[in-house]
């Protein structure tokens, strides 16, 4: 499956910025306001960011390999 450039850019932004920012923000606010599952939300966002980032990295490596 090949992604177009805009889909790739969106997924990369989600993996590198959005998931991490959401996780840290929720964990911080959970500590301040007593919201539940702060640590679990942070760890889930981190795991999802790592997985998505890895898949994007593999896809990028394959793309450049195919261009050779």
Protein backbone atom coordinates (compact mmCIF):
# COMPACT_ATOMS: atom_id res chain seq x y z
CA UNK A 1 0.00 0.00 0.00
CA UNK A 2 1.37 3.38 -0.96
CA UNK A 3 0.47 6.63 0.71
CA UNK A 4 0.19 9.93 -1.07
CA UNK A 5 2.32 12.78 0.23
CA UNK A 6 -0.43 14.50 2.19
CA UNK A 7 -1.49 11.29 3.99
CA UNK A 8 2.15 10.58 4.83
CA UNK A 9 2.62 14.10 6.21
CA UNK A 10 -0.51 13.83 8.38
CA UNK A 11 0.48 10.43 9.79
CA UNK A 12 4.01 11.66 10.47
CA UNK A 13 2.66 14.74 12.31
CA UNK A 14 0.34 12.53 14.37
CA UNK A 15 3.18 10.15 15.29
CA UNK A 16 5.83 12.76 16.04
CA UNK A 17 3.81 15.57 17.60
CA UNK A 18 0.10 15.05 18.25
CA UNK A 19 0.07 11.77 20.19
CA UNK A 20 2.94 12.82 22.43
CA UNK A 21 1.44 16.25 23.09
CA UNK A 22 -1.97 14.78 23.90
CA UNK A 23 -0.48 12.20 26.24
CA UNK A 24 1.65 14.67 28.19
CA UNK A 25 -1.15 17.22 28.34
CA UNK A 26 -3.65 14.70 29.68
CA UNK A 27 -1.21 13.29 32.25
CA UNK A 28 -0.38 16.78 33.51
CA UNK A 29 -4.01 17.86 33.72
CA UNK A 30 -4.97 14.56 35.34
CA UNK A 31 -2.49 15.26 38.13
CA UNK A 32 -3.83 18.80 38.61
CA UNK A 33 -7.55 18.05 38.35
CA UNK A 34 -7.68 14.48 39.64
CA UNK A 35 -8.73 12.96 36.33
CA UNK A 36 -8.47 9.17 36.09
CA UNK A 37 -5.94 7.06 34.22
CA UNK A 38 -3.32 9.76 33.58
CA UNK A 39 -0.41 7.35 33.43
CA UNK A 40 -2.33 4.86 31.27
CA UNK A 41 -3.35 7.53 28.75
CA UNK A 42 0.24 8.77 28.50
CA UNK A 43 1.61 5.25 28.02
CA UNK A 44 -1.05 4.45 25.42
CA UNK A 45 -0.27 7.59 23.43
CA UNK A 46 3.45 6.86 23.63
CA UNK A 47 2.97 3.27 22.45
CA UNK A 48 0.76 4.38 19.56
CA UNK A 49 3.26 7.07 18.54
CA UNK A 50 6.12 4.56 18.61
CA UNK A 51 4.20 1.99 16.58
CA UNK A 52 3.02 4.51 13.98
CA UNK A 53 6.47 6.09 13.75
CA UNK A 54 8.06 2.68 13.22
CA UNK A 55 5.60 1.78 10.47
CA UNK A 56 6.23 5.14 8.77
CA UNK A 57 9.98 4.58 9.02
CA UNK A 58 9.69 1.13 7.46
CA UNK A 59 7.50 2.54 4.69
CA UNK A 60 9.99 5.33 4.01
CA UNK A 61 12.91 2.90 3.86
CA UNK A 62 10.98 0.69 1.43
CA UNK A 63 10.09 3.71 -0.71
CA UNK A 64 13.73 4.72 -1.07
CA UNK A 65 14.82 1.13 -1.66
CA UNK A 66 12.29 0.81 -4.51
CA UNK A 67 13.62 4.02 -6.11
CA UNK A 68 17.14 2.59 -6.47
